[in-house]
């Protein structure tokens, strides 16, 4: 299934290629559960320890659950992650504070 947010994850993968594993600030593991019509349709794990992105349902320190459209909006800079949380358009499981470490990385994708 092709999703709008696939474009964002392609940008994330490209951005990860340019990260020096010896010189990075964020080293957590994040999972993105992308939904469509209220159902999870895709899972991505962004492992910033190993500097890789995989389409999987693996373990993570923080899991972000949101609709495809919301992930696309966050990834393109149309909506800040804090705003998505405030509007209950993004749910976070695990260590909520970790998403604030991720925000500069996502902002750099624009």
PDB file of N, CA and C in Angstrom:
ATOM      1  N   UNK A   1       0.842  -1.181   0.000  1.00  0.00           N
ATOM      2  CA  UNK A   1       0.000   0.000   0.000  1.00  0.00           C
ATOM      3  C   UNK A   1       0.889   1.247   0.000  1.00  0.00           C
ATOM      4  N   UNK A   2       0.633   2.121  -0.917  1.00  0.00           N
ATOM      5  CA  UNK A   2       1.395   3.360  -1.031  1.00  0.00           C
ATOM      6  C   UNK A   2       0.713   4.445  -0.197  1.00  0.00           C
ATOM      7  N   UNK A   3       1.503   5.137   0.608  1.00  0.00           N
ATOM      8  CA  UNK A   3       0.977   6.179   1.475  1.00  0.00           C
ATOM      9  C   UNK A   3       1.680   7.499   1.200  1.00  0.00           C
ATOM     10  N   UNK A   4       1.017   8.611   1.546  1.00  0.00           N
ATOM     11  CA  UNK A   4       1.644   9.920   1.391  1.00  0.00           C
ATOM     12  C   UNK A   4       2.903  10.017   2.242  1.00  0.00           C
ATOM     13  N   UNK A   5       2.864   9.416   3.437  1.00  0.00           N
ATOM     14  CA  UNK A   5       4.004   9.507   4.352  1.00  0.00           C
ATOM     15  C   UNK A   5       5.215   8.715   3.856  1.00  0.00           C
ATOM     16  N   UNK A   6       5.037   7.845   2.862  1.00  0.00           N
ATOM     17  CA  UNK A   6       6.183   7.112   2.299  1.00  0.00           C
ATOM     18  C   UNK A   6       7.237   8.102   1.795  1.00  0.00           C
ATOM     19  N   UNK A   7       6.784   9.232   1.286  1.00  0.00           N
ATOM     20  CA  UNK A   7       7.696  10.271   0.806  1.00  0.00           C
ATOM     21  C   UNK A   7       8.554  10.806   1.963  1.00  0.00           C
ATOM     22  N   UNK A   8       7.930  10.978   3.121  1.00  0.00           N
ATOM     23  CA  UNK A   8       8.650  11.455   4.304  1.00  0.00           C
ATOM     24  C   UNK A   8       9.673  10.411   4.745  1.00  0.00           C
ATOM     25  N   UNK A   9       9.274   9.149   4.763  1.00  0.00           N
ATOM     26  CA  UNK A   9      10.205   8.098   5.187  1.00  0.00           C
ATOM     27  C   UNK A   9      11.353   7.930   4.188  1.00  0.00           C
ATOM     28  N   UNK A  10      11.101   8.207   2.914  1.00  0.00           N
ATOM     29  CA  UNK A  10      12.186   8.187   1.926  1.00  0.00           C
ATOM     30  C   UNK A  10      13.189   9.300   2.236  1.00  0.00           C
ATOM     31  N   UNK A  11      12.682  10.464   2.652  1.00  0.00           N
ATOM     32  CA  UNK A  11      13.564  11.573   3.034  1.00  0.00           C
ATOM     33  C   UNK A  11      14.349  11.229   4.299  1.00  0.00           C
ATOM     34  N   UNK A  12      13.680  10.563   5.246  1.00  0.00           N
ATOM     35  CA  UNK A  12      14.362  10.149   6.474  1.00  0.00           C
ATOM     36  C   UNK A  12      15.502   9.193   6.132  1.00  0.00           C
ATOM     37  N   UNK A  13      15.226   8.217   5.280  1.00  0.00           N
ATOM     38  CA  UNK A  13      16.262   7.242   4.890  1.00  0.00           C
ATOM     39  C   UNK A  13      17.444   7.956   4.234  1.00  0.00           C
ATOM     40  N   UNK A  14      17.155   8.918   3.367  1.00  0.00           N
ATOM     41  CA  UNK A  14      18.214   9.675   2.683  1.00  0.00           C
ATOM     42  C   UNK A  14      19.023  10.485   3.694  1.00  0.00           C
ATOM     43  N   UNK A  15      18.331  11.100   4.628  1.00  0.00           N
ATOM     44  CA  UNK A  15      18.995  11.908   5.664  1.00  0.00           C
ATOM     45  C   UNK A  15      19.890  11.024   6.540  1.00  0.00           C
ATOM     46  N   UNK A  16      19.439   9.819   6.854  1.00  0.00           N
ATOM     47  CA  UNK A  16      20.228   8.897   7.676  1.00  0.00           C
ATOM     48  C   UNK A  16      21.530   8.509   6.982  1.00  0.00           C
ATOM     49  N   UNK A  17      21.513   8.451   5.656  1.00  0.00           N
ATOM     50  CA  UNK A  17      22.724   8.113   4.903  1.00  0.00           C
ATOM     51  C   UNK A  17      23.834   9.139   5.128  1.00  0.00           C
ATOM     52  N   UNK A  18      23.441  10.370   5.458  1.00  0.00           N
ATOM     53  CA  UNK A  18      24.409  11.449   5.624  1.00  0.00           C
ATOM     54  C   UNK A  18      24.832  11.681   7.073  1.00  0.00           C
ATOM     55  N   UNK A  19      24.375  10.835   7.975  1.00  0.00           N
ATOM     56  CA  UNK A  19      24.731  10.995   9.384  1.00  0.00           C
ATOM     57  C   UNK A  19      25.996  10.212   9.686  1.00  0.00           C
ATOM     58  N   UNK A  20      26.905  10.879  10.355  1.00  0.00           N
ATOM     59  CA  UNK A  20      28.139  10.233  10.809  1.00  0.00           C
ATOM     60  C   UNK A  20      27.820   9.516  12.122  1.00  0.00           C
ATOM     61  N   UNK A  21      27.857   8.178  12.146  1.00  0.00           N
ATOM     62  CA  UNK A  21      27.526   7.439  13.371  1.00  0.00           C
ATOM     63  C   UNK A  21      28.383   7.836  14.573  1.00  0.00           C
ATOM     64  N   UNK A  22      29.575   8.338  14.326  1.00  0.00           N
ATOM     65  CA  UNK A  22      30.461   8.734  15.419  1.00  0.00           C
ATOM     66  C   UNK A  22      30.139  10.141  15.932  1.00  0.00           C
ATOM     67  N   UNK A  23      29.301  10.875  15.217  1.00  0.00           N
ATOM     68  CA  UNK A  23      29.018  12.257  15.583  1.00  0.00           C
ATOM     69  C   UNK A  23      27.523  12.540  15.455  1.00  0.00           C
ATOM     70  N   UNK A  24      26.741  12.026  16.386  1.00  0.00           N
ATOM     71  CA  UNK A  24      25.298  12.277  16.345  1.00  0.00           C
ATOM     72  C   UNK A  24      24.806  12.606  17.744  1.00  0.00           C
ATOM     73  N   UNK A  25      23.747  13.389  17.810  1.00  0.00           N
ATOM     74  CA  UNK A  25      23.236  13.856  19.093  1.00  0.00           C
ATOM     75  C   UNK A  25      22.119  12.964  19.630  1.00  0.00           C
ATOM     76  N   UNK A  26      21.301  12.445  18.756  1.00  0.00           N
ATOM     77  CA  UNK A  26      20.169  11.616  19.183  1.00  0.00           C
ATOM     78  C   UNK A  26      20.495  10.161  18.884  1.00  0.00           C
ATOM     79  N   UNK A  27      20.342   9.295  19.897  1.00  0.00           N
ATOM     80  CA  UNK A  27      20.702   7.889  19.725  1.00  0.00           C
ATOM     81  C   UNK A  27      19.604   6.962  20.248  1.00  0.00           C
ATOM     82  N   UNK A  28      18.366   7.370  20.059  1.00  0.00           N
ATOM     83  CA  UNK A  28      17.251   6.556  20.515  1.00  0.00           C
ATOM     84  C   UNK A  28      16.635   5.776  19.355  1.00  0.00           C
ATOM     85  N   UNK A  29      15.713   4.886  19.722  1.00  0.00           N
ATOM     86  CA  UNK A  29      14.991   4.091  18.724  1.00  0.00           C
ATOM     87  C   UNK A  29      13.522   4.511  18.774  1.00  0.00           C
ATOM     88  N   UNK A  30      13.005   4.877  17.616  1.00  0.00           N
ATOM     89  CA  UNK A  30      11.631   5.354  17.484  1.00  0.00           C
ATOM     90  C   UNK A  30      10.852   4.442  16.546  1.00  0.00           C
ATOM     91  N   UNK A  31       9.594   4.233  16.886  1.00  0.00           N
ATOM     92  CA  UNK A  31       8.701   3.490  15.986  1.00  0.00           C
ATOM     93  C   UNK A  31       7.582   4.436  15.557  1.00  0.00           C
ATOM     94  N   UNK A  32       7.248   4.362  14.292  1.00  0.00           N
ATOM     95  CA  UNK A  32       6.136   5.131  13.751  1.00  0.00           C
ATOM     96  C   UNK A  32       5.072   4.140  13.322  1.00  0.00           C
ATOM     97  N   UNK A  33       3.893   4.258  13.901  1.00  0.00           N
ATOM     98  CA  UNK A  33       2.745   3.442  13.473  1.00  0.00           C
ATOM     99  C   UNK A  33       1.849   4.369  12.667  1.00  0.00           C
ATOM    100  N   UNK A  34       1.771   4.101  11.384  1.00  0.00           N
ATOM    101  CA  UNK A  34       0.993   4.953  10.483  1.00  0.00           C
ATOM    102  C   UNK A  34      -0.383   4.324  10.277  1.00  0.00           C
ATOM    103  N   UNK A  35      -1.404   5.143  10.479  1.00  0.00           N
ATOM    104  CA  UNK A  35      -2.776   4.649  10.375  1.00  0.00           C
ATOM    105  C   UNK A  35      -3.489   5.271   9.178  1.00  0.00           C
ATOM    106  N   UNK A  36      -4.506   4.579   8.758  1.00  0.00           N
ATOM    107  CA  UNK A  36      -5.413   5.044   7.706  1.00  0.00           C
ATOM    108  C   UNK A  36      -6.794   4.567   8.136  1.00  0.00           C
ATOM    109  N   UNK A  37      -7.728   5.470   8.221  1.00  0.00           N
ATOM    110  CA  UNK A  37      -9.093   5.141   8.672  1.00  0.00           C
ATOM    111  C   UNK A  37      -9.077   4.429  10.030  1.00  0.00           C
ATOM    112  N   UNK A  38      -8.167   4.857  10.914  1.00  0.00           N
ATOM    113  CA  UNK A  38      -8.117   4.322  12.268  1.00  0.00           C
ATOM    114  C   UNK A  38      -7.400   2.990  12.433  1.00  0.00           C
ATOM    115  N   UNK A  39      -6.894   2.418  11.350  1.00  0.00           N
ATOM    116  CA  UNK A  39      -6.211   1.123  11.421  1.00  0.00           C
ATOM    117  C   UNK A  39      -4.738   1.292  11.066  1.00  0.00           C
ATOM    118  N   UNK A  40      -3.862   0.591  11.808  1.00  0.00           N
ATOM    119  CA  UNK A  40      -2.433   0.646  11.509  1.00  0.00           C
ATOM    120  C   UNK A  40      -2.194  -0.047  10.174  1.00  0.00           C
ATOM    121  N   UNK A  41      -1.583   0.674   9.238  1.00  0.00           N
ATOM    122  CA  UNK A  41      -1.322   0.120   7.910  1.00  0.00           C
ATOM    123  C   UNK A  41       0.175  -0.055   7.636  1.00  0.00           C
ATOM    124  N   UNK A  42       1.028   0.641   8.409  1.00  0.00           N
ATOM    125  CA  UNK A  42       2.468   0.514   8.220  1.00  0.00           C
ATOM    126  C   UNK A  42       3.191   0.849   9.509  1.00  0.00           C
ATOM    127  N   UNK A  43       4.266   0.123   9.763  1.00  0.00           N
ATOM    128  CA  UNK A  43       5.136   0.388  10.904  1.00  0.00           C
ATOM    129  C   UNK A  43       6.548   0.631  10.399  1.00  0.00           C
ATOM    130  N   UNK A  44       7.188   1.652  10.939  1.00  0.00           N
ATOM    131  CA  UNK A  44       8.575   1.960  10.621  1.00  0.00           C
ATOM    132  C   UNK A  44       9.359   2.049  11.928  1.00  0.00           C
ATOM    133  N   UNK A  45      10.576   1.544  11.940  1.00  0.00           N
ATOM    134  CA  UNK A  45      11.457   1.708  13.088  1.00  0.00           C
ATOM    135  C   UNK A  45      12.675   2.498  12.631  1.00  0.00           C
ATOM    136  N   UNK A  46      12.878   3.638  13.289  1.00  0.00           N
ATOM    137  CA  UNK A  46      14.043   4.467  13.017  1.00  0.00           C
ATOM    138  C   UNK A  46      14.999   4.291  14.196  1.00  0.00           C
ATOM    139  N   UNK A  47      16.064   3.581  13.946  1.00  0.00           N
ATOM    140  CA  UNK A  47      17.056   3.268  14.969  1.00  0.00           C
ATOM    141  C   UNK A  47      18.221   4.240  14.809  1.00  0.00           C
ATOM    142  N   UNK A  48      18.261   5.235  15.678  1.00  0.00           N
ATOM    143  CA  UNK A  48      19.324   6.229  15.576  1.00  0.00           C
ATOM    144  C   UNK A  48      20.598   5.783  16.287  1.00  0.00           C
ATOM    145  N   UNK A  49      20.535   4.650  16.970  1.00  0.00           N
ATOM    146  CA  UNK A  49      21.758   4.050  17.520  1.00  0.00           C
ATOM    147  C   UNK A  49      22.540   3.396  16.380  1.00  0.00           C
ATOM    148  N   UNK A  50      21.828   2.629  15.565  1.00  0.00           N
ATOM    149  CA  UNK A  50      22.439   1.922  14.433  1.00  0.00           C
ATOM    150  C   UNK A  50      22.380   2.758  13.150  1.00  0.00           C
ATOM    151  N   UNK A  51      21.715   3.893  13.202  1.00  0.00           N
ATOM    152  CA  UNK A  51      21.527   4.802  12.076  1.00  0.00           C
ATOM    153  C   UNK A  51      20.899   4.072  10.881  1.00  0.00           C
ATOM    154  N   UNK A  52      19.680   3.552  11.113  1.00  0.00           N
ATOM    155  CA  UNK A  52      18.974   2.876  10.023  1.00  0.00           C
ATOM    156  C   UNK A  52      17.466   2.983  10.200  1.00  0.00           C
ATOM    157  N   UNK A  53      16.773   2.869   9.094  1.00  0.00           N
ATOM    158  CA  UNK A  53      15.313   2.905   9.055  1.00  0.00           C
ATOM    159  C   UNK A  53      14.835   1.622   8.411  1.00  0.00           C
ATOM    160  N   UNK A  54      13.897   0.943   9.075  1.00  0.00           N
ATOM    161  CA  UNK A  54      13.354  -0.293   8.507  1.00  0.00           C
ATOM    162  C   UNK A  54      11.834  -0.288   8.628  1.00  0.00           C
ATOM    163  N   UNK A  55      11.197  -0.886   7.649  1.00  0.00           N
ATOM    164  CA  UNK A  55       9.756  -1.073   7.741  1.00  0.00           C
ATOM    165  C   UNK A  55       9.553  -2.339   8.565  1.00  0.00           C
ATOM    166  N   UNK A  56       9.238  -2.149   9.849  1.00  0.00           N
ATOM    167  CA  UNK A  56       9.067  -3.292  10.744  1.00  0.00           C
ATOM    168  C   UNK A  56       8.276  -2.868  11.973  1.00  0.00           C
ATOM    169  N   UNK A  57       7.958  -3.838  12.799  1.00  0.00           N
ATOM    170  CA  UNK A  57       7.207  -3.598  14.034  1.00  0.00           C
ATOM    171  C   UNK A  57       8.094  -3.939  15.232  1.00  0.00           C
ATOM    172  N   UNK A  58       9.376  -3.589  15.138  1.00  0.00           N
ATOM    173  CA  UNK A  58      10.331  -3.909  16.190  1.00  0.00           C
ATOM    174  C   UNK A  58      10.157  -3.055  17.430  1.00  0.00           C
ATOM    175  N   UNK A  59      11.021  -3.306  18.415  1.00  0.00           N
ATOM    176  CA  UNK A  59      10.979  -2.581  19.682  1.00  0.00           C
ATOM    177  C   UNK A  59      11.491  -1.157  19.512  1.00  0.00           C
ATOM    178  N   UNK A  60      10.983  -0.263  20.363  1.00  0.00           N
ATOM    179  CA  UNK A  60      11.408   1.135  20.329  1.00  0.00           C
ATOM    180  C   UNK A  60      11.256   1.735  21.722  1.00  0.00           C
ATOM    181  N   UNK A  61      11.986   2.811  21.946  1.00  0.00           N
ATOM    182  CA  UNK A  61      11.882   3.527  23.214  1.00  0.00           C
ATOM    183  C   UNK A  61      10.673   4.456  23.233  1.00  0.00           C
ATOM    184  N   UNK A  62      10.271   4.910  22.047  1.00  0.00           N
ATOM    185  CA  UNK A  62       9.085   5.759  21.906  1.00  0.00           C
ATOM    186  C   UNK A  62       8.373   5.367  20.617  1.00  0.00           C
ATOM    187  N   UNK A  63       7.065   5.220  20.707  1.00  0.00           N
ATOM    188  CA  UNK A  63       6.250   4.879  19.536  1.00  0.00           C
ATOM    189  C   UNK A  63       5.294   6.020  19.262  1.00  0.00           C
ATOM    190  N   UNK A  64       5.322   6.496  18.036  1.00  0.00           N
ATOM    191  CA  UNK A  64       4.460   7.593  17.612  1.00  0.00           C
ATOM    192  C   UNK A  64       3.379   7.010  16.704  1.00  0.00           C
ATOM    193  N   UNK A  65       2.137   7.248  17.060  1.00  0.00           N
ATOM    194  CA  UNK A  65       1.003   6.694  16.313  1.00  0.00           C
ATOM    195  C   UNK A  65       0.214   7.856  15.725  1.00  0.00           C
ATOM    196  N   UNK A  66       0.069   7.854  14.405  1.00  0.00           N
ATOM    197  CA  UNK A  66      -0.656   8.943  13.762  1.00  0.00           C
ATOM    198  C   UNK A  66      -1.153   8.530  12.384  1.00  0.00           C
ATOM    199  N   UNK A  67      -2.091   9.302  11.890  1.00  0.00           N
ATOM    200  CA  UNK A  67      -2.633   9.099  10.553  1.00  0.00           C
ATOM    201  C   UNK A  67      -1.574   9.454   9.506  1.00  0.00           C
ATOM    202  N   UNK A  68      -1.673   8.815   8.374  1.00  0.00           N
ATOM    203  CA  UNK A  68      -0.766   9.055   7.254  1.00  0.00           C
ATOM    204  C   UNK A  68      -0.670  10.545   6.919  1.00  0.00           C
ATOM    205  N   UNK A  69      -1.798  11.222   6.866  1.00  0.00           N
ATOM    206  CA  UNK A  69      -1.833  12.655   6.525  1.00  0.00           C
ATOM    207  C   UNK A  69      -1.065  13.493   7.554  1.00  0.00           C
ATOM    208  N   UNK A  70      -1.183  13.130   8.824  1.00  0.00           N
ATOM    209  CA  UNK A  70      -0.500  13.872   9.892  1.00  0.00           C
ATOM    210  C   UNK A  70       1.005  13.658   9.796  1.00  0.00           C
ATOM    211  N   UNK A  71       1.442  12.427   9.547  1.00  0.00           N
ATOM    212  CA  UNK A  71       2.876  12.169   9.388  1.00  0.00           C
ATOM    213  C   UNK A  71       3.421  12.955   8.205  1.00  0.00           C
ATOM    214  N   UNK A  72       2.659  13.001   7.134  1.00  0.00           N
ATOM    215  CA  UNK A  72       3.075  13.771   5.964  1.00  0.00           C
ATOM    216  C   UNK A  72       3.199  15.256   6.334  1.00  0.00           C
ATOM    217  N   UNK A  73       2.219  15.784   7.068  1.00  0.00           N
ATOM    218  CA  UNK A  73       2.234  17.199   7.462  1.00  0.00           C
ATOM    219  C   UNK A  73       3.420  17.508   8.374  1.00  0.00           C
ATOM    220  N   UNK A  74       3.704  16.628   9.312  1.00  0.00           N
ATOM    221  CA  UNK A  74       4.849  16.835  10.214  1.00  0.00           C
ATOM    222  C   UNK A  74       6.155  16.754   9.425  1.00  0.00           C
ATOM    223  N   UNK A  75       6.265  15.758   8.577  1.00  0.00           N
ATOM    224  CA  UNK A  75       7.493  15.540   7.816  1.00  0.00           C
ATOM    225  C   UNK A  75       7.790  16.596   6.771  1.00  0.00           C
ATOM    226  N   UNK A  76       6.754  17.320   6.349  1.00  0.00           N
ATOM    227  CA  UNK A  76       6.963  18.382   5.352  1.00  0.00           C
ATOM    228  C   UNK A  76       6.981  19.763   6.000  1.00  0.00           C
ATOM    229  N   UNK A  77       6.857  19.797   7.322  1.00  0.00           N
ATOM    230  CA  UNK A  77       6.920  21.066   8.037  1.00  0.00           C
ATOM    231  C   UNK A  77       5.605  21.818   8.103  1.00  0.00           C
ATOM    232  N   UNK A  78       4.527  21.238   7.582  1.00  0.00           N
ATOM    233  CA  UNK A  78       3.232  21.906   7.602  1.00  0.00           C
ATOM    234  C   UNK A  78       2.621  21.922   9.002  1.00  0.00           C
ATOM    235  N   UNK A  79       3.031  20.992   9.862  1.00  0.00           N
ATOM    236  CA  UNK A  79       2.508  20.930  11.226  1.00  0.00           C
ATOM    237  C   UNK A  79       3.631  20.502  12.175  1.00  0.00           C
ATOM    238  N   UNK A  80       3.893  21.289  13.215  1.00  0.00           N
ATOM    239  CA  UNK A  80       4.881  20.855  14.210  1.00  0.00           C
ATOM    240  C   UNK A  80       4.349  19.665  15.016  1.00  0.00           C
ATOM    241  N   UNK A  81       5.242  18.791  15.440  1.00  0.00           N
ATOM    242  CA  UNK A  81       4.843  17.610  16.219  1.00  0.00           C
ATOM    243  C   UNK A  81       4.124  18.009  17.504  1.00  0.00           C
ATOM    244  N   UNK A  82       4.579  19.090  18.133  1.00  0.00           N
ATOM    245  CA  UNK A  82       3.932  19.556  19.380  1.00  0.00           C
ATOM    246  C   UNK A  82       2.472  19.908  19.130  1.00  0.00           C
ATOM    247  N   UNK A  83       2.209  20.524  17.985  1.00  0.00           N
ATOM    248  CA  UNK A  83       0.833  20.893  17.632  1.00  0.00           C
ATOM    249  C   UNK A  83      -0.012  19.639  17.401  1.00  0.00           C
ATOM    250  N   UNK A  84       0.555  18.643  16.735  1.00  0.00           N
ATOM    251  CA  UNK A  84      -0.166  17.388  16.497  1.00  0.00           C
ATOM    252  C   UNK A  84      -0.524  16.724  17.823  1.00  0.00           C
ATOM    253  N   UNK A  85       0.410  16.754  18.777  1.00  0.00           N
ATOM    254  CA  UNK A  85       0.125  16.185  20.103  1.00  0.00           C
ATOM    255  C   UNK A  85      -0.950  16.983  20.818  1.00  0.00           C
ATOM    256  N   UNK A  86      -0.835  18.305  20.781  1.00  0.00           N
ATOM    257  CA  UNK A  86      -1.797  19.173  21.466  1.00  0.00           C
ATOM    258  C   UNK A  86      -3.204  18.985  20.923  1.00  0.00           C
ATOM    259  N   UNK A  87      -3.305  18.686  19.637  1.00  0.00           N
ATOM    260  CA  UNK A  87      -4.614  18.494  19.002  1.00  0.00           C
ATOM    261  C   UNK A  87      -5.059  17.031  19.031  1.00  0.00           C
ATOM    262  N   UNK A  88      -4.332  16.199  19.779  1.00  0.00           N
ATOM    263  CA  UNK A  88      -4.629  14.761  19.870  1.00  0.00           C
ATOM    264  C   UNK A  88      -4.629  14.075  18.510  1.00  0.00           C
ATOM    265  N   UNK A  89      -3.759  14.528  17.611  1.00  0.00           N
ATOM    266  CA  UNK A  89      -3.639  13.915  16.285  1.00  0.00           C
ATOM    267  C   UNK A  89      -2.452  12.958  16.238  1.00  0.00           C
ATOM    268  N   UNK A  90      -1.679  12.937  17.329  1.00  0.00           N
ATOM    269  CA  UNK A  90      -0.546  12.024  17.440  1.00  0.00           C
ATOM    270  C   UNK A  90      -0.520  11.482  18.861  1.00  0.00           C
ATOM    271  N   UNK A  91      -0.410  10.178  18.970  1.00  0.00           N
ATOM    272  CA  UNK A  91      -0.330   9.521  20.267  1.00  0.00           C
ATOM    273  C   UNK A  91       1.096   9.010  20.436  1.00  0.00           C
ATOM    274  N   UNK A  92       1.605   9.095  21.661  1.00  0.00           N
ATOM    275  CA  UNK A  92       2.960   8.624  21.930  1.00  0.00           C
ATOM    276  C   UNK A  92       2.912   7.594  23.043  1.00  0.00           C
ATOM    277  N   UNK A  93       3.539   6.448  22.788  1.00  0.00           N
ATOM    278  CA  UNK A  93       3.676   5.406  23.799  1.00  0.00           C
ATOM    279  C   UNK A  93       5.151   5.312  24.167  1.00  0.00           C
ATOM    280  N   UNK A  94       5.421   5.045  25.421  1.00  0.00           N
ATOM    281  CA  UNK A  94       6.812   4.942  25.852  1.00  0.00           C
ATOM    282  C   UNK A  94       7.290   6.272  26.394  1.00  0.00           C
ATOM    283  N   UNK A  95       8.535   6.609  26.110  1.00  0.00           N
ATOM    284  CA  UNK A  95       9.167   7.801  26.657  1.00  0.00           C
ATOM    285  C   UNK A  95       8.792   9.040  25.832  1.00  0.00           C
ATOM    286  N   UNK A  96       7.729   9.697  26.250  1.00  0.00           N
ATOM    287  CA  UNK A  96       7.169  10.838  25.522  1.00  0.00           C
ATOM    288  C   UNK A  96       8.220  11.930  25.296  1.00  0.00           C
ATOM    289  N   UNK A  97       9.069  12.171  26.285  1.00  0.00           N
ATOM    290  CA  UNK A  97      10.055  13.253  26.169  1.00  0.00           C
ATOM    291  C   UNK A  97      11.026  13.045  25.010  1.00  0.00           C
ATOM    292  N   UNK A  98      11.160  11.817  24.531  1.00  0.00           N
ATOM    293  CA  UNK A  98      12.087  11.544  23.435  1.00  0.00           C
ATOM    294  C   UNK A  98      11.650  12.174  22.113  1.00  0.00           C
ATOM    295  N   UNK A  99      10.356  12.429  21.960  1.00  0.00           N
ATOM    296  CA  UNK A  99       9.927  13.022  20.690  1.00  0.00           C
ATOM    297  C   UNK A  99      10.460  14.439  20.531  1.00  0.00           C
ATOM    298  N   UNK A 100      10.737  15.115  21.650  1.00  0.00           N
ATOM    299  CA  UNK A 100      11.258  16.483  21.567  1.00  0.00           C
ATOM    300  C   UNK A 100      12.712  16.482  21.084  1.00  0.00           C
ATOM    301  N   UNK A 101      13.432  15.386  21.335  1.00  0.00           N
ATOM    302  CA  UNK A 101      14.786  15.246  20.795  1.00  0.00           C
ATOM    303  C   UNK A 101      14.738  15.034  19.281  1.00  0.00           C
ATOM    304  N   UNK A 102      13.666  14.438  18.821  1.00  0.00           N
ATOM    305  CA  UNK A 102      13.520  14.085  17.409  1.00  0.00           C
ATOM    306  C   UNK A 102      13.103  15.270  16.543  1.00  0.00           C
ATOM    307  N   UNK A 103      12.473  16.254  17.158  1.00  0.00           N
ATOM    308  CA  UNK A 103      11.903  17.367  16.392  1.00  0.00           C
ATOM    309  C   UNK A 103      12.908  18.092  15.486  1.00  0.00           C
ATOM    310  N   UNK A 104      14.127  18.423  15.935  1.00  0.00           N
ATOM    311  CA  UNK A 104      15.079  19.077  15.026  1.00  0.00           C
ATOM    312  C   UNK A 104      15.443  18.192  13.814  1.00  0.00           C
ATOM    313  N   UNK A 105      15.522  16.884  14.038  1.00  0.00           N
ATOM    314  CA  UNK A 105      15.829  15.959  12.933  1.00  0.00           C
ATOM    315  C   UNK A 105      14.711  16.002  11.891  1.00  0.00           C
ATOM    316  N   UNK A 106      13.470  15.917  12.349  1.00  0.00           N
ATOM    317  CA  UNK A 106      12.324  15.937  11.424  1.00  0.00           C
ATOM    318  C   UNK A 106      12.250  17.301  10.709  1.00  0.00           C
ATOM    319  N   UNK A 107      12.517  18.381  11.445  1.00  0.00           N
ATOM    320  CA  UNK A 107      12.496  19.712  10.842  1.00  0.00           C
ATOM    321  C   UNK A 107      13.536  19.859   9.735  1.00  0.00           C
ATOM    322  N   UNK A 108      14.625  19.113   9.842  1.00  0.00           N
ATOM    323  CA  UNK A 108      15.700  19.207   8.841  1.00  0.00           C
ATOM    324  C   UNK A 108      15.344  18.525   7.527  1.00  0.00           C
ATOM    325  N   UNK A 109      14.212  17.836   7.466  1.00  0.00           N
ATOM    326  CA  UNK A 109      13.821  17.106   6.252  1.00  0.00           C
ATOM    327  C   UNK A 109      13.218  18.021   5.187  1.00  0.00           C
ATOM    328  N   UNK A 110      12.774  19.194   5.563  1.00  0.00           N
ATOM    329  CA  UNK A 110      12.061  20.088   4.637  1.00  0.00           C
ATOM    330  C   UNK A 110      12.840  20.378   3.378  1.00  0.00           C
TER     331      UNK A 110
END
